[in-house]
Amino acid sequence: MRYFVSYARRDNDVARLREIESLLSGIGRAYIDDLEDHADGVDRVEVVVDALSGADALIAVLSDGYLTTEWTKWEFDEAQKMGIEILALLPDGALVSREDPAWPWAAGAGVPVNEAAAF
């Protein structure tokens, strides 16, 4: 499976992103933008759009800043529009689907139901 990892940069440093990459390595290929080696002059917006459209699922990394940035809101909304499965990565490392009682966002608009501490 191909996963697009959506995260608030201000809440997730490179060390945390590497932890997430390691956590997901056993279940498929994870696209984590800040861990990708982008060539000089590459259009990063195009790269992100291509990675999202080619993903089997979006993994939203729950943090205080998630869904407060234009990018994370856009990624979450676009995944919904494209019919891409959305999973939430909780601070304890659990990966949950919309059907799970631990799902952190209200149905529909992607509004956080509860606040979680940043990693």
C-alpha atoms as a PDB file:
ATOM      1  CA  MET A   1       0.000   0.000   0.000  1.00  0.00           C
ATOM      2  CA  ARG A   2       1.020   3.580  -0.611  1.00  0.00           C
ATOM      3  CA  TYR A   3       0.445   6.072   2.189  1.00  0.00           C
ATOM      4  CA  PHE A   4       0.494   9.857   2.060  1.00  0.00           C
ATOM      5  CA  VAL A   5       1.444  11.199   5.488  1.00  0.00           C
ATOM      6  CA  SER A   6      -0.184  14.541   6.258  1.00  0.00           C
ATOM      7  CA  TYR A   7       1.188  16.456   9.236  1.00  0.00           C
ATOM      8  CA  ALA A   8       1.619  19.911  10.704  1.00  0.00           C
ATOM      9  CA  ARG A   9       5.286  20.747  10.242  1.00  0.00           C
ATOM     10  CA  ARG A  10       5.386  22.918  13.376  1.00  0.00           C
ATOM     11  CA  ASP A  11       4.340  19.929  15.515  1.00  0.00           C
ATOM     12  CA  ASN A  12       6.576  17.286  13.911  1.00  0.00           C
ATOM     13  CA  ASP A  13      10.328  17.679  13.588  1.00  0.00           C
ATOM     14  CA  VAL A  14      12.493  15.470  11.373  1.00  0.00           C
ATOM     15  CA  ALA A  15      13.189  13.054  14.246  1.00  0.00           C
ATOM     16  CA  ARG A  16       9.434  12.539  14.758  1.00  0.00           C
ATOM     17  CA  LEU A  17       8.894  12.119  11.014  1.00  0.00           C
ATOM     18  CA  ARG A  18      11.592   9.427  10.958  1.00  0.00           C
ATOM     19  CA  GLU A  19       9.787   7.665  13.840  1.00  0.00           C
ATOM     20  CA  ILE A  20       6.586   7.752  11.807  1.00  0.00           C
ATOM     21  CA  GLU A  21       8.425   6.454   8.739  1.00  0.00           C
ATOM     22  CA  SER A  22       9.807   3.573  10.795  1.00  0.00           C
ATOM     23  CA  LEU A  23       6.405   2.817  12.311  1.00  0.00           C
ATOM     24  CA  LEU A  24       4.816   2.610   8.861  1.00  0.00           C
ATOM     25  CA  SER A  25       7.657   0.748   7.125  1.00  0.00           C
ATOM     26  CA  GLY A  26       6.121  -2.633   7.884  1.00  0.00           C
ATOM     27  CA  ILE A  27       2.791  -1.867   6.238  1.00  0.00           C
ATOM     28  CA  GLY A  28       3.750  -0.104   3.020  1.00  0.00           C
ATOM     29  CA  ARG A  29       5.470   2.862   1.368  1.00  0.00           C
ATOM     30  CA  ALA A  30       4.916   6.190   3.121  1.00  0.00           C
ATOM     31  CA  TYR A  31       5.338   9.529   1.350  1.00  0.00           C
ATOM     32  CA  ILE A  32       6.527  12.059   3.941  1.00  0.00           C
ATOM     33  CA  ASP A  33       7.321  15.280   2.109  1.00  0.00           C
ATOM     34  CA  ASP A  34      10.021  16.598   4.447  1.00  0.00           C
ATOM     35  CA  LEU A  35      11.898  13.284   4.224  1.00  0.00           C
ATOM     36  CA  GLU A  36      11.875  13.185   0.416  1.00  0.00           C
ATOM     37  CA  ASP A  37      14.941  14.159  -1.576  1.00  0.00           C
ATOM     38  CA  HIS A  38      13.587  16.881  -3.866  1.00  0.00           C
ATOM     39  CA  ALA A  39      15.742  17.816  -6.847  1.00  0.00           C
ATOM     40  CA  ASP A  40      16.587  21.489  -7.352  1.00  0.00           C
ATOM     41  CA  GLY A  41      13.900  23.257  -9.327  1.00  0.00           C
ATOM     42  CA  VAL A  42      11.255  20.610  -8.789  1.00  0.00           C
ATOM     43  CA  ASP A  43       7.715  21.906  -8.327  1.00  0.00           C
ATOM     44  CA  ARG A  44       6.987  20.666  -4.800  1.00  0.00           C
ATOM     45  CA  VAL A  45       3.293  21.469  -5.103  1.00  0.00           C
ATOM     46  CA  GLU A  46       3.090  19.181  -8.122  1.00  0.00           C
ATOM     47  CA  VAL A  47       5.038  16.483  -6.267  1.00  0.00           C
ATOM     48  CA  VAL A  48       2.642  16.677  -3.295  1.00  0.00           C
ATOM     49  CA  VAL A  49      -0.437  16.573  -5.536  1.00  0.00           C
ATOM     50  CA  ASP A  50       0.950  13.563  -7.434  1.00  0.00           C
ATOM     51  CA  ALA A  51       1.855  11.750  -4.212  1.00  0.00           C
ATOM     52  CA  LEU A  52      -1.600  12.329  -2.748  1.00  0.00           C
ATOM     53  CA  SER A  53      -3.447  11.297  -5.890  1.00  0.00           C
ATOM     54  CA  GLY A  54      -1.339   8.120  -6.093  1.00  0.00           C
ATOM     55  CA  ALA A  55      -1.918   7.140  -2.465  1.00  0.00           C
ATOM     56  CA  ASP A  56      -4.123   4.306  -1.269  1.00  0.00           C
ATOM     57  CA  ALA A  57      -4.655   6.113   2.038  1.00  0.00           C
ATOM     58  CA  LEU A  58      -3.873   9.400   3.746  1.00  0.00           C
ATOM     59  CA  ILE A  59      -2.499   9.166   7.256  1.00  0.00           C
ATOM     60  CA  ALA A  60      -3.308  12.311   9.233  1.00  0.00           C
ATOM     61  CA  VAL A  61      -0.850  12.772  12.093  1.00  0.00           C
ATOM     62  CA  LEU A  62      -2.925  14.100  14.973  1.00  0.00           C
ATOM     63  CA  SER A  63      -1.378  17.097  16.725  1.00  0.00           C
ATOM     64  CA  ASP A  64      -2.465  20.454  18.085  1.00  0.00           C
ATOM     65  CA  GLY A  65      -1.668  22.149  14.786  1.00  0.00           C
ATOM     66  CA  TYR A  66      -3.268  19.615  12.467  1.00  0.00           C
ATOM     67  CA  LEU A  67      -6.114  21.135  10.433  1.00  0.00           C
ATOM     68  CA  THR A  68      -4.989  24.637  11.359  1.00  0.00           C
ATOM     69  CA  THR A  69      -2.646  25.014   8.385  1.00  0.00           C
ATOM     70  CA  GLU A  70      -3.772  25.566   4.818  1.00  0.00           C
ATOM     71  CA  TRP A  71      -1.759  22.548   3.630  1.00  0.00           C
ATOM     72  CA  THR A  72      -3.136  20.010   6.089  1.00  0.00           C
ATOM     73  CA  LYS A  73      -6.699  21.232   5.556  1.00  0.00           C
ATOM     74  CA  TRP A  74      -6.197  21.008   1.802  1.00  0.00           C
ATOM     75  CA  GLU A  75      -4.659  17.504   1.985  1.00  0.00           C
ATOM     76  CA  PHE A  76      -7.442  16.222   4.252  1.00  0.00           C
ATOM     77  CA  ASP A  77     -10.207  17.749   2.114  1.00  0.00           C
ATOM     78  CA  GLU A  78      -8.666  16.593  -1.171  1.00  0.00           C
ATOM     79  CA  ALA A  79      -8.317  13.035   0.124  1.00  0.00           C
ATOM     80  CA  GLN A  80     -12.004  13.097   1.042  1.00  0.00           C
ATOM     81  CA  LYS A  81     -12.955  14.432  -2.424  1.00  0.00           C
ATOM     82  CA  MET A  82     -10.808  11.772  -4.138  1.00  0.00           C
ATOM     83  CA  GLY A  83     -12.337   8.995  -2.074  1.00  0.00           C
ATOM     84  CA  ILE A  84      -8.962   8.116  -0.559  1.00  0.00           C
ATOM     85  CA  GLU A  85      -9.197   6.288   2.751  1.00  0.00           C
ATOM     86  CA  ILE A  86      -8.202   8.510   5.672  1.00  0.00           C
ATOM     87  CA  LEU A  87      -6.562   7.103   8.770  1.00  0.00           C
ATOM     88  CA  ALA A  88      -5.514   9.021  11.874  1.00  0.00           C
ATOM     89  CA  LEU A  89      -2.185   8.412  13.573  1.00  0.00           C
ATOM     90  CA  LEU A  90      -2.772   9.076  17.253  1.00  0.00           C
ATOM     91  CA  PRO A  91      -0.071  10.294  19.672  1.00  0.00           C
ATOM     92  CA  ASP A  92       0.212   6.780  21.159  1.00  0.00           C
ATOM     93  CA  GLY A  93       1.105   5.381  17.720  1.00  0.00           C
ATOM     94  CA  ALA A  94      -2.291   3.800  17.073  1.00  0.00           C
ATOM     95  CA  LEU A  95      -3.596   4.012  13.533  1.00  0.00           C
ATOM     96  CA  VAL A  96      -7.393   4.364  13.486  1.00  0.00           C
ATOM     97  CA  SER A  97     -10.052   4.526  10.799  1.00  0.00           C
ATOM     98  CA  ARG A  98     -13.254   6.565  10.722  1.00  0.00           C
ATOM     99  CA  GLU A  99     -15.163   3.597  12.124  1.00  0.00           C
ATOM    100  CA  ASP A 100     -13.003   3.434  15.233  1.00  0.00           C
ATOM    101  CA  PRO A 101     -14.414   5.098  18.375  1.00  0.00           C
ATOM    102  CA  ALA A 102     -11.006   6.779  18.812  1.00  0.00           C
ATOM    103  CA  TRP A 103     -11.438   8.692  15.506  1.00  0.00           C
ATOM    104  CA  PRO A 104     -10.492  12.278  16.482  1.00  0.00           C
ATOM    105  CA  TRP A 105     -12.539  14.332  13.996  1.00  0.00           C
ATOM    106  CA  ALA A 106     -16.233  15.029  13.565  1.00  0.00           C
ATOM    107  CA  ALA A 107     -17.916  13.486  10.555  1.00  0.00           C
ATOM    108  CA  GLY A 108     -17.772  15.659   7.490  1.00  0.00           C
ATOM    109  CA  ALA A 109     -15.834  18.881   7.737  1.00  0.00           C
ATOM    110  CA  GLY A 110     -12.708  17.518   9.393  1.00  0.00           C
ATOM    111  CA  VAL A 111     -13.171  19.574  12.538  1.00  0.00           C
ATOM    112  CA  PRO A 112     -11.231  18.150  15.487  1.00  0.00           C
ATOM    113  CA  VAL A 113     -13.488  16.581  18.092  1.00  0.00           C
ATOM    114  CA  ASN A 114     -10.876  16.520  20.829  1.00  0.00           C
ATOM    115  CA  GLU A 115      -7.521  18.158  21.298  1.00  0.00           C
ATOM    116  CA  ALA A 116      -4.448  15.998  21.619  1.00  0.00           C
ATOM    117  CA  ALA A 117      -1.048  16.924  22.872  1.00  0.00           C
ATOM    118  CA  ALA A 118       1.605  17.371  20.247  1.00  0.00           C
ATOM    119  CA  PHE A 119       4.030  14.482  19.922  1.00  0.00           C
END
